[in-house]
Amino acid sequence: MKYKKYFRKTSLKQKGVGDFFLKEIEKKKPKIFLEVGVFHGVTARNICELLHGMHNDEFKYIGIDLFEENDENKDEIIPNTKFSNPLKKIYFKYIKRQNPYSKEAVESLLKKFSKNVVLLKGNSNNILRKINMSKIDYVFLDGGHDYKTVSNDLLQSKEVIMNGGTILCDDYDLSQAPGVKQAIDDFIKSNNFKCEILYNYRFAKIEK
């Protein structure tokens, strides 16, 4: 399966990265998938297409994101949500009349899988505590990039690994967000988990 961009922004935009990501997920064939950091929903749509191809309607996707930029979230490192492409600006402002980073816009992109998708708006520092992680097979962490948030996301997702699942972290060695690497390294060391660094230090795959 090829990673599609759906005329939106995505953190997996570099050539080959999205395809590699989907192949990694396909190896595990998860049925219940959690993504922290949905952004414009492009990766979410690709994940849903992949899971549907493997399991038909017998899958569930859960996505967590702030879905807005405000003073409360000012300390979180959020990717640039603005388009440089003028055609995309016109499309979303005057045709779709949506903010592509809004929950409503992502729901629109995922409407094909509305029965399989749950989108949760808010900070993962709070939301992950309320999710039954024992049911999750696979976690993709690409949310807040500061040390505290990444550490919390990993800690709250620990049960997934203990149950034989996988956590895949994006931006492991991102120079402008050193807290990601430090949080992952500390988590691995304190729990004695296995960690495989993939695709030129882009991803960290954590398993038991």
Protein backbone atom coordinates (compact mmCIF):
# COMPACT_ATOMS: atom_id res chain seq x y z
CA MET A 1 0.00 0.00 0.00
CA LYS A 2 1.26 3.48 -0.90
CA TYR A 3 1.01 6.35 1.57
CA LYS A 4 -1.36 9.03 0.22
CA LYS A 5 -1.32 12.71 1.24
CA TYR A 6 -4.99 13.59 0.58
CA PHE A 7 -4.20 17.26 -0.25
CA ARG A 8 -3.29 17.99 3.38
CA LYS A 9 -0.19 18.41 5.52
CA THR A 10 1.53 15.40 7.07
CA SER A 11 4.67 14.84 9.13
CA LEU A 12 5.43 11.80 6.95
CA LYS A 13 5.73 13.87 3.78
CA GLN A 14 9.28 12.92 2.78
CA LYS A 15 9.46 10.42 -0.06
CA GLY A 16 9.46 6.84 1.17
CA VAL A 17 8.78 7.60 4.84
CA GLY A 18 5.04 7.01 4.70
CA ASP A 19 5.40 3.79 2.72
CA PHE A 20 7.95 2.50 5.24
CA PHE A 21 5.62 3.43 8.10
CA LEU A 22 2.71 1.48 6.62
CA LYS A 23 4.88 -1.58 6.04
CA GLU A 24 5.92 -1.52 9.69
CA ILE A 25 2.29 -1.53 10.81
CA GLU A 26 1.39 -4.24 8.32
CA LYS A 27 3.95 -6.58 9.92
CA LYS A 28 1.96 -6.61 13.17
CA LYS A 29 -1.56 -6.59 11.70
CA PRO A 30 -3.08 -4.70 14.66
CA LYS A 31 -6.84 -4.53 15.08
CA ILE A 32 -7.00 -1.72 17.64
CA PHE A 33 -4.70 1.20 16.84
CA LEU A 34 -3.98 4.35 18.86
CA GLU A 35 -2.37 7.43 17.35
CA VAL A 36 -1.24 10.33 19.52
CA GLY A 37 -0.83 13.40 17.32
CA VAL A 38 -3.40 13.20 14.53
CA PHE A 39 -2.59 16.61 12.99
CA HIS A 40 -4.49 16.92 9.65
CA GLY A 41 -5.54 13.27 9.72
CA VAL A 42 -3.50 12.09 6.74
CA THR A 43 -1.72 9.33 8.63
CA ALA A 44 -5.00 8.38 10.30
CA ARG A 45 -6.68 7.92 6.92
CA ASN A 46 -3.78 5.82 5.63
CA ILE A 47 -3.87 3.67 8.77
CA CYS A 48 -7.62 3.12 8.44
CA GLU A 49 -7.26 2.15 4.78
CA LEU A 50 -4.52 -0.33 5.71
CA LEU A 51 -6.45 -1.85 8.65
CA HIS A 52 -9.60 -2.11 6.56
CA GLY A 53 -7.65 -3.96 3.89
CA MET A 54 -6.47 -6.47 6.47
CA HIS A 55 -9.53 -6.82 8.71
CA ASN A 56 -12.49 -5.37 6.75
CA ASP A 57 -14.67 -3.64 9.38
CA GLU A 58 -13.17 -5.56 12.30
CA PHE A 59 -10.79 -2.83 13.44
CA LYS A 60 -10.76 0.30 15.56
CA TYR A 61 -8.74 3.50 15.24
CA ILE A 62 -8.41 5.92 18.18
CA GLY A 63 -6.83 9.32 17.58
CA ILE A 64 -5.81 11.97 20.12
CA ASP A 65 -4.86 15.56 19.32
CA LEU A 66 -5.24 19.11 20.57
CA PHE A 67 -7.03 19.99 17.30
CA GLU A 68 -6.45 23.69 17.97
CA GLU A 69 -3.77 26.19 18.87
CA ASN A 70 -4.48 28.33 21.94
CA ASP A 71 -2.84 29.78 25.04
CA GLU A 72 -3.49 26.62 27.05
CA ASN A 73 -1.45 24.60 24.54
CA LYS A 74 1.26 27.18 23.89
CA ASP A 75 3.99 25.10 25.56
CA GLU A 76 3.39 22.10 23.29
CA ILE A 77 5.49 21.74 20.13
CA ILE A 78 2.90 21.68 17.33
CA PRO A 79 3.84 21.32 13.65
CA ASN A 80 3.16 24.34 11.46
CA THR A 81 -0.52 24.02 10.55
CA LYS A 82 -0.47 26.71 7.84
CA PHE A 83 -0.21 25.88 4.14
CA SER A 84 2.47 27.39 1.90
CA ASN A 85 0.60 26.08 -1.15
CA PRO A 86 -1.87 28.83 -2.22
CA LEU A 87 -4.22 26.28 -3.83
CA LYS A 88 -4.61 24.45 -0.54
CA LYS A 89 -5.26 27.74 1.26
CA ILE A 90 -8.06 28.59 -1.19
CA TYR A 91 -9.49 25.07 -1.07
CA PHE A 92 -9.87 24.95 2.70
CA LYS A 93 -10.83 28.59 3.24
CA TYR A 94 -13.35 29.11 0.46
CA ILE A 95 -14.44 25.65 -0.73
CA LYS A 96 -14.28 23.35 2.29
CA ARG A 97 -14.58 26.27 4.72
CA GLN A 98 -12.69 24.26 7.29
CA ASN A 99 -9.58 24.55 9.39
CA PRO A 100 -7.79 21.34 8.33
CA TYR A 101 -6.38 21.03 11.86
CA SER A 102 -9.85 21.01 13.43
CA LYS A 103 -11.53 17.86 14.73
CA GLU A 104 -14.41 18.44 12.29
CA ALA A 105 -12.06 18.52 9.28
CA VAL A 106 -10.33 15.31 10.33
CA GLU A 107 -13.70 13.64 10.92
CA SER A 108 -14.64 14.63 7.38
CA LEU A 109 -11.49 13.02 6.00
CA LEU A 110 -12.22 9.83 7.96
CA LYS A 111 -15.98 9.67 7.35
CA LYS A 112 -15.54 6.54 5.23
CA PHE A 113 -14.60 4.76 8.46
CA SER A 114 -16.84 6.65 10.88
CA LYS A 115 -18.01 3.43 12.57
CA ASN A 116 -14.42 2.42 13.27
CA VAL A 117 -12.97 5.76 14.36
CA VAL A 118 -12.90 7.59 17.70
CA LEU A 119 -11.27 11.04 17.82
CA LEU A 120 -10.51 12.55 21.23
CA LYS A 121 -9.77 16.25 21.55
CA GLY A 122 -7.40 17.38 24.27
CA ASN A 123 -3.93 16.95 25.71
CA SER A 124 -2.58 13.41 25.80
CA ASN A 125 -1.21 14.13 29.30
CA ASN A 126 -4.83 13.96 30.47
CA ILE A 127 -6.65 11.78 27.92
CA LEU A 128 -4.38 8.72 27.93
CA ARG A 129 -5.15 8.13 31.61
CA LYS A 130 -8.79 7.54 30.70
CA ILE A 131 -8.21 4.95 27.95
CA ASN A 132 -8.26 1.20 28.57
CA MET A 133 -4.82 0.44 27.17
CA SER A 134 -5.24 -3.31 27.66
CA LYS A 135 -7.28 -3.37 24.45
CA ILE A 136 -4.72 -1.55 22.29
CA ASP A 137 -2.44 -3.54 19.94
CA TYR A 138 -0.34 -0.74 18.47
CA VAL A 139 0.50 2.84 19.45
CA PHE A 140 1.98 5.50 17.19
CA LEU A 141 3.36 8.41 19.22
CA ASP A 142 3.71 11.68 17.33
CA GLY A 143 2.12 14.14 19.74
CA GLY A 144 3.77 16.72 21.98
CA HIS A 145 7.55 16.68 21.54
CA ASP A 146 8.75 17.99 24.90
CA TYR A 147 10.35 15.59 27.38
CA LYS A 148 7.50 15.64 29.89
CA THR A 149 4.76 14.89 27.34
CA VAL A 150 6.70 12.11 25.58
CA SER A 151 7.56 10.54 28.94
CA ASN A 152 3.90 10.64 29.97
CA ASP A 153 2.72 9.19 26.64
CA LEU A 154 5.18 6.32 26.97
CA LEU A 155 4.33 5.65 30.61
CA GLN A 156 0.59 5.63 29.92
CA SER A 157 1.13 3.29 26.94
CA LYS A 158 3.41 0.89 28.81
CA GLU A 159 0.64 -1.70 29.24
CA VAL A 160 0.49 -2.11 25.46
CA ILE A 161 4.07 -3.38 25.44
CA MET A 162 3.52 -5.57 28.48
CA ASN A 163 0.66 -7.25 26.60
CA GLY A 164 2.86 -7.98 23.59
CA GLY A 165 1.99 -4.91 21.54
CA THR A 166 4.16 -2.27 19.91
CA ILE A 167 4.84 1.44 20.40
CA LEU A 168 6.31 3.26 17.39
CA CYS A 169 7.65 6.75 18.13
CA ASP A 170 8.22 9.35 15.44
CA ASP A 171 11.00 11.97 15.38
CA TYR A 172 13.38 9.98 17.58
CA ASP A 173 16.43 12.03 16.65
CA LEU A 174 14.84 15.37 15.74
CA SER A 175 17.37 18.12 16.46
CA GLN A 176 14.80 20.78 17.36
CA ALA A 177 13.08 18.45 19.84
CA PRO A 178 15.82 16.66 21.83
CA GLY A 179 13.32 15.80 24.55
CA VAL A 180 11.87 13.05 22.36
CA LYS A 181 15.09 11.04 22.21
CA GLN A 182 15.87 11.60 25.87
CA ALA A 183 12.41 10.50 27.00
CA ILE A 184 12.53 7.36 24.85
CA ASP A 185 16.05 6.44 25.99
CA ASP A 186 15.10 6.90 29.66
CA PHE A 187 11.92 4.85 29.22
CA ILE A 188 13.79 1.98 27.54
CA LYS A 189 16.50 1.95 30.19
CA SER A 190 14.16 2.04 33.18
CA ASN A 191 11.92 -0.75 31.81
CA ASN A 192 14.54 -2.89 30.05
CA PHE A 193 12.47 -2.99 26.85
CA LYS A 194 13.76 -3.71 23.37
CA CYS A 195 14.13 -0.70 21.10
CA GLU A 196 14.92 -0.73 17.39
CA ILE A 197 15.86 2.55 15.70
CA LEU A 198 14.52 2.62 12.15
CA TYR A 199 14.73 4.61 8.91
CA ASN A 200 17.82 6.76 9.49
CA TYR A 201 16.99 7.43 13.16
CA ARG A 202 13.47 8.60 12.28
CA PHE A 203 11.47 6.02 14.25
CA ALA A 204 11.95 4.14 17.53
CA LYS A 205 10.08 0.83 17.78
CA ILE A 206 9.60 -0.35 21.34
CA GLU A 207 8.58 -3.88 22.28
CA LYS A 208 8.98 -6.29 25.20
